[in-house]
Amino acid sequence: YTPELSDTVSAFVTGGVFPIDEIQSSDTNKAKSKWLVGGQ
């Protein structure tokens, strides 16, 4: 989102969800999928 605050000033807001390593969990593999949740 990039709103304009005035003729010379603007802002930006960015947010997202990004998978890093998808892992199929099970009884013998208890690791969970790795994610990045980021905002700026």
PDB file of all heavy atoms in Angstrom:
ATOM      1  N   TYR A   1       0.856  -1.182   0.000  1.00  0.00           N
ATOM      2  CA  TYR A   1       0.000   0.000   0.000  1.00  0.00           C
ATOM      3  C   TYR A   1       0.895   1.236   0.000  1.00  0.00           C
ATOM      4  O   TYR A   1       1.813   1.346   0.824  1.00  0.00           O
ATOM      5  CB  TYR A   1      -0.909  -0.012   1.222  1.00  0.00           C
ATOM      6  CG  TYR A   1      -1.822   1.194   1.338  1.00  0.00           C
ATOM      7  CD1 TYR A   1      -2.659   1.558   0.286  1.00  0.00           C
ATOM      8  CD2 TYR A   1      -1.856   1.950   2.510  1.00  0.00           C
ATOM      9  CE1 TYR A   1      -3.499   2.653   0.390  1.00  0.00           C
ATOM     10  CE2 TYR A   1      -2.706   3.053   2.623  1.00  0.00           C
ATOM     11  CZ  TYR A   1      -3.518   3.392   1.553  1.00  0.00           C
ATOM     12  OH  TYR A   1      -4.353   4.477   1.649  1.00  0.00           O
ATOM     13  N   THR A   2       0.658   2.175  -0.933  1.00  0.00           N
ATOM     14  CA  THR A   2       1.538   3.337  -1.098  1.00  0.00           C
ATOM     15  C   THR A   2       0.718   4.629  -1.104  1.00  0.00           C
ATOM     16  O   THR A   2       0.511   5.240  -2.157  1.00  0.00           O
ATOM     17  CB  THR A   2       2.344   3.226  -2.400  1.00  0.00           C
ATOM     18  OG1 THR A   2       1.419   3.070  -3.500  1.00  0.00           O
ATOM     19  CG2 THR A   2       3.280   2.036  -2.372  1.00  0.00           C
ATOM     20  N   PRO A   3       0.250   5.090   0.057  1.00  0.00           N
ATOM     21  CA  PRO A   3      -0.557   6.330   0.106  1.00  0.00           C
ATOM     22  C   PRO A   3       0.311   7.578  -0.071  1.00  0.00           C
ATOM     23  O   PRO A   3       1.489   7.601   0.312  1.00  0.00           O
ATOM     24  CB  PRO A   3      -1.172   6.280   1.503  1.00  0.00           C
ATOM     25  CG  PRO A   3      -0.171   5.514   2.311  1.00  0.00           C
ATOM     26  CD  PRO A   3       0.405   4.485   1.376  1.00  0.00           C
ATOM     27  N   GLU A   4      -0.275   8.625  -0.656  1.00  0.00           N
ATOM     28  CA  GLU A   4       0.376   9.917  -0.771  1.00  0.00           C
ATOM     29  C   GLU A   4      -0.098  10.799   0.384  1.00  0.00           C
ATOM     30  O   GLU A   4      -1.290  11.023   0.547  1.00  0.00           O
ATOM     31  CB  GLU A   4       0.040  10.581  -2.103  1.00  0.00           C
ATOM     32  CG  GLU A   4       0.795  10.017  -3.282  1.00  0.00           C
ATOM     33  CD  GLU A   4       0.560  10.845  -4.548  1.00  0.00           C
ATOM     34  OE1 GLU A   4      -0.288  11.747  -4.492  1.00  0.00           O
ATOM     35  OE2 GLU A   4       1.211  10.566  -5.558  1.00  0.00           O
ATOM     36  N   LEU A   5       0.855  11.310   1.166  1.00  0.00           N
ATOM     37  CA  LEU A   5       0.513  12.142   2.310  1.00  0.00           C
ATOM     38  C   LEU A   5       0.478  13.620   1.943  1.00  0.00           C
ATOM     39  O   LEU A   5      -0.223  14.400   2.583  1.00  0.00           O
ATOM     40  CB  LEU A   5       1.505  11.898   3.444  1.00  0.00           C
ATOM     41  CG  LEU A   5       1.664  10.430   3.869  1.00  0.00           C
ATOM     42  CD1 LEU A   5       2.649  10.309   5.009  1.00  0.00           C
ATOM     43  CD2 LEU A   5       0.324   9.825   4.244  1.00  0.00           C
ATOM     44  N   SER A   6       1.262  14.012   0.932  1.00  0.00           N
ATOM     45  CA  SER A   6       1.258  15.382   0.433  1.00  0.00           C
ATOM     46  C   SER A   6       1.926  15.370  -0.933  1.00  0.00           C
ATOM     47  O   SER A   6       2.249  14.306  -1.477  1.00  0.00           O
ATOM     48  CB  SER A   6       1.993  16.315   1.397  1.00  0.00           C
ATOM     49  OG  SER A   6       3.393  16.050   1.383  1.00  0.00           O
ATOM     50  N   ASP A   7       2.164  16.553  -1.478  1.00  0.00           N
ATOM     51  CA  ASP A   7       2.809  16.627  -2.790  1.00  0.00           C
ATOM     52  C   ASP A   7       4.238  16.109  -2.760  1.00  0.00           C
ATOM     53  O   ASP A   7       4.758  15.663  -3.776  1.00  0.00           O
ATOM     54  CB  ASP A   7       2.808  18.073  -3.295  1.00  0.00           C
ATOM     55  CG  ASP A   7       1.413  18.569  -3.619  1.00  0.00           C
ATOM     56  OD1 ASP A   7       0.525  17.714  -3.818  1.00  0.00           O
ATOM     57  OD2 ASP A   7       1.207  19.804  -3.648  1.00  0.00           O
ATOM     58  N   THR A   8       4.889  16.174  -1.618  1.00  0.00           N
ATOM     59  CA  THR A   8       6.290  15.771  -1.519  1.00  0.00           C
ATOM     60  C   THR A   8       6.525  14.548  -0.632  1.00  0.00           C
ATOM     61  O   THR A   8       7.628  14.027  -0.592  1.00  0.00           O
ATOM     62  CB  THR A   8       7.146  16.935  -0.970  1.00  0.00           C
ATOM     63  OG1 THR A   8       6.639  17.322   0.315  1.00  0.00           O
ATOM     64  CG2 THR A   8       7.097  18.122  -1.929  1.00  0.00           C
ATOM     65  N   VAL A   9       5.502  14.110   0.089  1.00  0.00           N
ATOM     66  CA  VAL A   9       5.667  13.016   1.047  1.00  0.00           C
ATOM     67  C   VAL A   9       4.715  11.877   0.710  1.00  0.00           C
ATOM     68  O   VAL A   9       3.527  12.092   0.466  1.00  0.00           O
ATOM     69  CB  VAL A   9       5.418  13.494   2.498  1.00  0.00           C
ATOM     70  CG1 VAL A   9       5.611  12.335   3.473  1.00  0.00           C
ATOM     71  CG2 VAL A   9       6.347  14.641   2.854  1.00  0.00           C
ATOM     72  N   SER A  10       5.261  10.664   0.683  1.00  0.00           N
ATOM     73  CA  SER A  10       4.450   9.459   0.473  1.00  0.00           C
ATOM     74  C   SER A  10       4.912   8.381   1.454  1.00  0.00           C
ATOM     75  O   SER A  10       5.997   8.468   2.030  1.00  0.00           O
ATOM     76  CB  SER A  10       4.581   8.953  -0.966  1.00  0.00           C
ATOM     77  OG  SER A  10       5.925   8.612  -1.261  1.00  0.00           O
ATOM     78  N   ALA A  11       4.085   7.392   1.633  1.00  0.00           N
ATOM     79  CA  ALA A  11       4.397   6.299   2.553  1.00  0.00           C
ATOM     80  C   ALA A  11       4.267   4.973   1.826  1.00  0.00           C
ATOM     81  O   ALA A  11       3.733   4.897   0.710  1.00  0.00           O
ATOM     82  CB  ALA A  11       3.465   6.336   3.765  1.00  0.00           C
ATOM     83  N   PHE A  12       4.776   3.918   2.429  1.00  0.00           N
ATOM     84  CA  PHE A  12       4.605   2.580   1.877  1.00  0.00           C
ATOM     85  C   PHE A  12       4.556   1.565   3.013  1.00  0.00           C
ATOM     86  O   PHE A  12       5.276   1.667   4.003  1.00  0.00           O
ATOM     87  CB  PHE A  12       5.726   2.241   0.884  1.00  0.00           C
ATOM     88  CG  PHE A  12       7.128   2.379   1.431  1.00  0.00           C
ATOM     89  CD1 PHE A  12       7.799   1.287   1.965  1.00  0.00           C
ATOM     90  CD2 PHE A  12       7.774   3.596   1.390  1.00  0.00           C
ATOM     91  CE1 PHE A  12       9.086   1.415   2.461  1.00  0.00           C
ATOM     92  CE2 PHE A  12       9.064   3.739   1.878  1.00  0.00           C
ATOM     93  CZ  PHE A  12       9.731   2.650   2.412  1.00  0.00           C
ATOM     94  N   VAL A  13       3.659   0.614   2.851  1.00  0.00           N
ATOM     95  CA  VAL A  13       3.488  -0.463   3.818  1.00  0.00           C
ATOM     96  C   VAL A  13       3.451  -1.773   3.041  1.00  0.00           C
ATOM     97  O   VAL A  13       2.663  -1.929   2.103  1.00  0.00           O
ATOM     98  CB  VAL A  13       2.186  -0.304   4.639  1.00  0.00           C
ATOM     99  CG1 VAL A  13       2.047  -1.450   5.629  1.00  0.00           C
ATOM    100  CG2 VAL A  13       2.164   1.039   5.360  1.00  0.00           C
ATOM    101  N   THR A  14       4.324  -2.713   3.420  1.00  0.00           N
ATOM    102  CA  THR A  14       4.421  -4.001   2.723  1.00  0.00           C
ATOM    103  C   THR A  14       4.335  -5.121   3.746  1.00  0.00           C
ATOM    104  O   THR A  14       4.991  -5.073   4.794  1.00  0.00           O
ATOM    105  CB  THR A  14       5.756  -4.116   1.960  1.00  0.00           C
ATOM    106  OG1 THR A  14       5.905  -3.003   1.098  1.00  0.00           O
ATOM    107  CG2 THR A  14       5.794  -5.400   1.147  1.00  0.00           C
ATOM    108  N   GLY A  15       3.541  -6.133   3.455  1.00  0.00           N
ATOM    109  CA  GLY A  15       3.437  -7.293   4.333  1.00  0.00           C
ATOM    110  C   GLY A  15       3.209  -8.556   3.534  1.00  0.00           C
ATOM    111  O   GLY A  15       2.511  -8.528   2.512  1.00  0.00           O
ATOM    112  N   GLY A  16       3.844  -9.656   3.961  1.00  0.00           N
ATOM    113  CA  GLY A  16       3.685 -10.892   3.202  1.00  0.00           C
ATOM    114  C   GLY A  16       4.030 -12.135   3.988  1.00  0.00           C
ATOM    115  O   GLY A  16       4.589 -12.076   5.093  1.00  0.00           O
ATOM    116  N   VAL A  17       3.670 -13.269   3.400  1.00  0.00           N
ATOM    117  CA  VAL A  17       3.953 -14.589   3.960  1.00  0.00           C
ATOM    118  C   VAL A  17       4.690 -15.383   2.891  1.00  0.00           C
ATOM    119  O   VAL A  17       4.227 -15.470   1.742  1.00  0.00           O
ATOM    120  CB  VAL A  17       2.660 -15.315   4.379  1.00  0.00           C
ATOM    121  CG1 VAL A  17       2.982 -16.695   4.946  1.00  0.00           C
ATOM    122  CG2 VAL A  17       1.889 -14.483   5.391  1.00  0.00           C
ATOM    123  N   PHE A  18       5.836 -16.004   3.283  1.00  0.00           N
ATOM    124  CA  PHE A  18       6.703 -16.640   2.305  1.00  0.00           C
ATOM    125  C   PHE A  18       7.166 -18.012   2.820  1.00  0.00           C
ATOM    126  O   PHE A  18       7.847 -18.091   3.852  1.00  0.00           O
ATOM    127  CB  PHE A  18       7.929 -15.759   2.040  1.00  0.00           C
ATOM    128  CG  PHE A  18       7.591 -14.320   1.762  1.00  0.00           C
ATOM    129  CD1 PHE A  18       7.557 -13.381   2.795  1.00  0.00           C
ATOM    130  CD2 PHE A  18       7.275 -13.904   0.476  1.00  0.00           C
ATOM    131  CE1 PHE A  18       7.239 -12.056   2.553  1.00  0.00           C
ATOM    132  CE2 PHE A  18       6.945 -12.580   0.219  1.00  0.00           C
ATOM    133  CZ  PHE A  18       6.929 -11.655   1.265  1.00  0.00           C
ATOM    134  N   PRO A  19       6.810 -19.098   2.142  1.00  0.00           N
ATOM    135  CA  PRO A  19       7.309 -20.421   2.546  1.00  0.00           C
ATOM    136  C   PRO A  19       8.798 -20.557   2.227  1.00  0.00           C
ATOM    137  O   PRO A  19       9.246 -20.172   1.153  1.00  0.00           O
ATOM    138  CB  PRO A  19       6.464 -21.382   1.708  1.00  0.00           C
ATOM    139  CG  PRO A  19       6.037 -20.585   0.517  1.00  0.00           C
ATOM    140  CD  PRO A  19       5.903 -19.168   0.976  1.00  0.00           C
ATOM    141  N   ILE A  20       9.561 -21.103   3.153  1.00  0.00           N
ATOM    142  CA  ILE A  20      10.999 -21.307   2.965  1.00  0.00           C
ATOM    143  C   ILE A  20      11.316 -22.765   2.664  1.00  0.00           C
ATOM    144  O   ILE A  20      12.056 -23.070   1.733  1.00  0.00           O
ATOM    145  CB  ILE A  20      11.780 -20.850   4.219  1.00  0.00           C
ATOM    146  CG1 ILE A  20      11.584 -19.343   4.430  1.00  0.00           C
ATOM    147  CG2 ILE A  20      13.262 -21.180   4.093  1.00  0.00           C
ATOM    148  CD1 ILE A  20      12.200 -18.832   5.717  1.00  0.00           C
ATOM    149  N   ASP A  21      10.759 -23.668   3.470  1.00  0.00           N
ATOM    150  CA  ASP A  21      11.022 -25.100   3.290  1.00  0.00           C
ATOM    151  C   ASP A  21       9.777 -25.868   3.722  1.00  0.00           C
ATOM    152  O   ASP A  21       9.458 -25.928   4.918  1.00  0.00           O
ATOM    153  CB  ASP A  21      12.244 -25.515   4.122  1.00  0.00           C
ATOM    154  CG  ASP A  21      12.686 -26.942   3.852  1.00  0.00           C
ATOM    155  OD1 ASP A  21      12.134 -27.582   2.938  1.00  0.00           O
ATOM    156  OD2 ASP A  21      13.599 -27.426   4.564  1.00  0.00           O
ATOM    157  N   GLU A  22       9.047 -26.424   2.757  1.00  0.00           N
ATOM    158  CA  GLU A  22       7.819 -27.163   3.057  1.00  0.00           C
ATOM    159  C   GLU A  22       8.182 -28.577   3.481  1.00  0.00           C
ATOM    160  O   GLU A  22       8.878 -29.302   2.779  1.00  0.00           O
ATOM    161  CB  GLU A  22       6.911 -27.187   1.832  1.00  0.00           C
ATOM    162  CG  GLU A  22       5.471 -27.564   2.122  1.00  0.00           C
ATOM    163  CD  GLU A  22       5.267 -29.067   2.246  1.00  0.00           C
ATOM    164  OE1 GLU A  22       5.978 -29.812   1.551  1.00  0.00           O
ATOM    165  OE2 GLU A  22       4.396 -29.488   3.028  1.00  0.00           O
ATOM    166  N   ILE A  23       7.712 -28.975   4.667  1.00  0.00           N
ATOM    167  CA  ILE A  23       8.054 -30.281   5.245  1.00  0.00           C
ATOM    168  C   ILE A  23       6.768 -31.039   5.563  1.00  0.00           C
ATOM    169  O   ILE A  23       5.841 -30.489   6.179  1.00  0.00           O
ATOM    170  CB  ILE A  23       8.896 -30.114   6.522  1.00  0.00           C
ATOM    171  CG1 ILE A  23      10.238 -29.439   6.188  1.00  0.00           C
ATOM    172  CG2 ILE A  23       9.144 -31.454   7.199  1.00  0.00           C
ATOM    173  CD1 ILE A  23      11.049 -29.061   7.397  1.00  0.00           C
ATOM    174  N   GLN A  24       6.720 -32.283   5.137  1.00  0.00           N
ATOM    175  CA  GLN A  24       5.581 -33.144   5.446  1.00  0.00           C
ATOM    176  C   GLN A  24       5.803 -33.797   6.806  1.00  0.00           C
ATOM    177  O   GLN A  24       6.613 -34.709   6.959  1.00  0.00           O
ATOM    178  CB  GLN A  24       5.410 -34.216   4.370  1.00  0.00           C
ATOM    179  CG  GLN A  24       4.273 -35.192   4.632  1.00  0.00           C
ATOM    180  CD  GLN A  24       2.918 -34.517   4.679  1.00  0.00           C
ATOM    181  OE1 GLN A  24       2.514 -33.887   3.714  1.00  0.00           O
ATOM    182  NE2 GLN A  24       2.219 -34.636   5.787  1.00  0.00           N
ATOM    183  N   SER A  25       5.094 -33.311   7.820  1.00  0.00           N
ATOM    184  CA  SER A  25       5.269 -33.837   9.176  1.00  0.00           C
ATOM    185  C   SER A  25       4.580 -35.186   9.326  1.00  0.00           C
ATOM    186  O   SER A  25       3.579 -35.489   8.656  1.00  0.00           O
ATOM    187  CB  SER A  25       4.699 -32.852  10.203  1.00  0.00           C
ATOM    188  OG  SER A  25       5.357 -31.613  10.119  1.00  0.00           O
ATOM    189  N   SER A  26       5.127 -36.012  10.216  1.00  0.00           N
ATOM    190  CA  SER A  26       4.560 -37.345  10.486  1.00  0.00           C
ATOM    191  C   SER A  26       5.038 -37.799  11.865  1.00  0.00           C
ATOM    192  O   SER A  26       5.748 -37.074  12.566  1.00  0.00           O
ATOM    193  CB  SER A  26       5.003 -38.340   9.407  1.00  0.00           C
ATOM    194  OG  SER A  26       6.408 -38.541   9.465  1.00  0.00           O
ATOM    195  N   ASP A  27       4.677 -39.027  12.249  1.00  0.00           N
ATOM    196  CA  ASP A  27       5.110 -39.552  13.542  1.00  0.00           C
ATOM    197  C   ASP A  27       6.624 -39.731  13.600  1.00  0.00           C
ATOM    198  O   ASP A  27       7.231 -39.636  14.669  1.00  0.00           O
ATOM    199  CB  ASP A  27       4.422 -40.895  13.823  1.00  0.00           C
ATOM    200  CG  ASP A  27       2.932 -40.727  14.050  1.00  0.00           C
ATOM    201  OD1 ASP A  27       2.521 -39.598  14.400  1.00  0.00           O
ATOM    202  OD2 ASP A  27       2.185 -41.702  13.875  1.00  0.00           O
ATOM    203  N   THR A  28       7.227 -40.005  12.442  1.00  0.00           N
ATOM    204  CA  THR A  28       8.673 -40.218  12.407  1.00  0.00           C
ATOM    205  C   THR A  28       9.445 -38.971  11.969  1.00  0.00           C
ATOM    206  O   THR A  28      10.667 -38.961  11.971  1.00  0.00           O
ATOM    207  CB  THR A  28       9.018 -41.372  11.450  1.00  0.00           C
ATOM    208  OG1 THR A  28       8.513 -41.071  10.143  1.00  0.00           O
ATOM    209  CG2 THR A  28       8.403 -42.681  11.946  1.00  0.00           C
ATOM    210  N   ASN A  29       8.721 -37.946  11.584  1.00  0.00           N
ATOM    211  CA  ASN A  29       9.356 -36.692  11.202  1.00  0.00           C
ATOM    212  C   ASN A  29       8.529 -35.549  11.809  1.00  0.00           C
ATOM    213  O   ASN A  29       7.534 -35.116  11.238  1.00  0.00           O
ATOM    214  CB  ASN A  29       9.431 -36.546   9.685  1.00  0.00           C
ATOM    215  CG  ASN A  29      10.199 -35.311   9.255  1.00  0.00           C
ATOM    216  OD1 ASN A  29      10.802 -34.622  10.079  1.00  0.00           O
ATOM    217  ND2 ASN A  29      10.178 -35.025   7.975  1.00  0.00           N
ATOM    218  N   LYS A  30       8.973 -35.079  12.968  1.00  0.00           N
ATOM    219  CA  LYS A  30       8.204 -34.097  13.722  1.00  0.00           C
ATOM    220  C   LYS A  30       8.577 -32.650  13.392  1.00  0.00           C
ATOM    221  O   LYS A  30       8.051 -31.722  14.010  1.00  0.00           O
ATOM    222  CB  LYS A  30       8.381 -34.351  15.219  1.00  0.00           C
ATOM    223  CG  LYS A  30       7.841 -35.711  15.659  1.00  0.00           C
ATOM    224  CD  LYS A  30       8.050 -35.941  17.146  1.00  0.00           C
ATOM    225  CE  LYS A  30       7.525 -37.323  17.558  1.00  0.00           C
ATOM    226  NZ  LYS A  30       7.738 -37.567  19.019  1.00  0.00           N
ATOM    227  N   ALA A  31       9.467 -32.471  12.451  1.00  0.00           N
ATOM    228  CA  ALA A  31       9.827 -31.118  12.034  1.00  0.00           C
ATOM    229  C   ALA A  31       8.639 -30.456  11.355  1.00  0.00           C
ATOM    230  O   ALA A  31       7.789 -31.111  10.741  1.00  0.00           O
ATOM    231  CB  ALA A  31      11.018 -31.166  11.088  1.00  0.00           C
ATOM    232  N   LYS A  32       8.577 -29.133  11.455  1.00  0.00           N
ATOM    233  CA  LYS A  32       7.494 -28.367  10.863  1.00  0.00           C
ATOM    234  C   LYS A  32       8.005 -27.527   9.688  1.00  0.00           C
ATOM    235  O   LYS A  32       9.186 -27.214   9.602  1.00  0.00           O
ATOM    236  CB  LYS A  32       6.871 -27.443  11.918  1.00  0.00           C
ATOM    237  CG  LYS A  32       6.231 -28.196  13.082  1.00  0.00           C
ATOM    238  CD  LYS A  32       5.625 -27.217  14.082  1.00  0.00           C
ATOM    239  CE  LYS A  32       4.983 -27.959  15.255  1.00  0.00           C
ATOM    240  NZ  LYS A  32       4.402 -27.005  16.253  1.00  0.00           N
ATOM    241  N   SER A  33       7.086 -27.176   8.806  1.00  0.00           N
ATOM    242  CA  SER A  33       7.458 -26.344   7.663  1.00  0.00           C
ATOM    243  C   SER A  33       8.008 -25.008   8.141  1.00  0.00           C
ATOM    244  O   SER A  33       7.585 -24.465   9.168  1.00  0.00           O
ATOM    245  CB  SER A  33       6.244 -26.108   6.759  1.00  0.00           C
ATOM    246  OG  SER A  33       5.812 -27.322   6.178  1.00  0.00           O
ATOM    247  N   LYS A  34       8.961 -24.469   7.356  1.00  0.00           N
ATOM    248  CA  LYS A  34       9.642 -23.226   7.725  1.00  0.00           C
ATOM    249  C   LYS A  34       9.066 -22.079   6.899  1.00  0.00           C
ATOM    250  O   LYS A  34       8.928 -22.183   5.680  1.00  0.00           O
ATOM    251  CB  LYS A  34      11.142 -23.374   7.494  1.00  0.00           C
ATOM    252  CG  LYS A  34      11.729 -24.539   8.284  1.00  0.00           C
ATOM    253  CD  LYS A  34      13.171 -24.851   7.908  1.00  0.00           C
ATOM    254  CE  LYS A  34      13.665 -26.084   8.635  1.00  0.00           C
ATOM    255  NZ  LYS A  34      15.058 -26.440   8.301  1.00  0.00           N
ATOM    256  N   TRP A  35       8.763 -20.988   7.599  1.00  0.00           N
ATOM    257  CA  TRP A  35       8.105 -19.859   6.967  1.00  0.00           C
ATOM    258  C   TRP A  35       8.797 -18.551   7.333  1.00  0.00           C
ATOM    259  O   TRP A  35       9.462 -18.450   8.360  1.00  0.00           O
ATOM    260  CB  TRP A  35       6.636 -19.756   7.420  1.00  0.00           C
ATOM    261  CG  TRP A  35       5.764 -20.861   6.971  1.00  0.00           C
ATOM    262  CD1 TRP A  35       5.646 -22.117   7.525  1.00  0.00           C
ATOM    263  CD2 TRP A  35       4.858 -20.841   5.862  1.00  0.00           C
ATOM    264  NE1 TRP A  35       4.734 -22.863   6.846  1.00  0.00           N
ATOM    265  CE2 TRP A  35       4.231 -22.115   5.806  1.00  0.00           C
ATOM    266  CE3 TRP A  35       4.514 -19.891   4.916  1.00  0.00           C
ATOM    267  CZ2 TRP A  35       3.284 -22.431   4.851  1.00  0.00           C
ATOM    268  CZ3 TRP A  35       3.566 -20.201   3.965  1.00  0.00           C
ATOM    269  CH2 TRP A  35       2.959 -21.469   3.930  1.00  0.00           C
ATOM    270  N   LEU A  36       8.597 -17.552   6.498  1.00  0.00           N
ATOM    271  CA  LEU A  36       8.958 -16.176   6.804  1.00  0.00           C
ATOM    272  C   LEU A  36       7.692 -15.343   6.761  1.00  0.00           C
ATOM    273  O   LEU A  36       6.974 -15.333   5.758  1.00  0.00           O
ATOM    274  CB  LEU A  36       9.973 -15.630   5.794  1.00  0.00           C
ATOM    275  CG  LEU A  36      10.156 -14.106   5.770  1.00  0.00           C
ATOM    276  CD1 LEU A  36      10.675 -13.589   7.104  1.00  0.00           C
ATOM    277  CD2 LEU A  36      11.067 -13.680   4.618  1.00  0.00           C
ATOM    278  N   VAL A  37       7.410 -14.650   7.859  1.00  0.00           N
ATOM    279  CA  VAL A  37       6.327 -13.678   7.917  1.00  0.00           C
ATOM    280  C   VAL A  37       6.986 -12.320   8.099  1.00  0.00           C
ATOM    281  O   VAL A  37       7.671 -12.085   9.109  1.00  0.00           O
ATOM    282  CB  VAL A  37       5.348 -13.968   9.068  1.00  0.00           C
ATOM    283  CG1 VAL A  37       4.238 -12.913   9.104  1.00  0.00           C
ATOM    284  CG2 VAL A  37       4.754 -15.368   8.920  1.00  0.00           C
ATOM    285  N   GLY A  38       6.827 -11.445   7.116  1.00  0.00           N
ATOM    286  CA  GLY A  38       7.549 -10.179   7.143  1.00  0.00           C
ATOM    287  C   GLY A  38       6.673  -8.976   6.885  1.00  0.00           C
ATOM    288  O   GLY A  38       5.672  -9.056   6.166  1.00  0.00           O
ATOM    289  N   GLY A  39       7.062  -7.863   7.459  1.00  0.00           N
ATOM    290  CA  GLY A  39       6.349  -6.610   7.241  1.00  0.00           C
ATOM    291  C   GLY A  39       7.302  -5.436   7.314  1.00  0.00           C
ATOM    292  O   GLY A  39       8.326  -5.480   8.017  1.00  0.00           O
ATOM    293  N   GLN A  40       6.988  -4.380   6.574  1.00  0.00           N
ATOM    294  CA  GLN A  40       7.826  -3.185   6.553  1.00  0.00           C
ATOM    295  C   GLN A  40       6.946  -1.961   6.338  1.00  0.00           C
ATOM    296  O   GLN A  40       5.997  -1.993   5.546  1.00  0.00           O
ATOM    297  CB  GLN A  40       8.869  -3.282   5.435  1.00  0.00           C
ATOM    298  CG  GLN A  40       9.855  -2.119   5.403  1.00  0.00           C
ATOM    299  CD  GLN A  40      10.824  -2.211   4.231  1.00  0.00           C
ATOM    300  OE1 GLN A  40      10.399  -2.175   3.074  1.00  0.00           O
ATOM    301  NE2 GLN A  40      12.108  -2.343   4.519  1.00  0.00           N
TER     302      GLN A  40
END
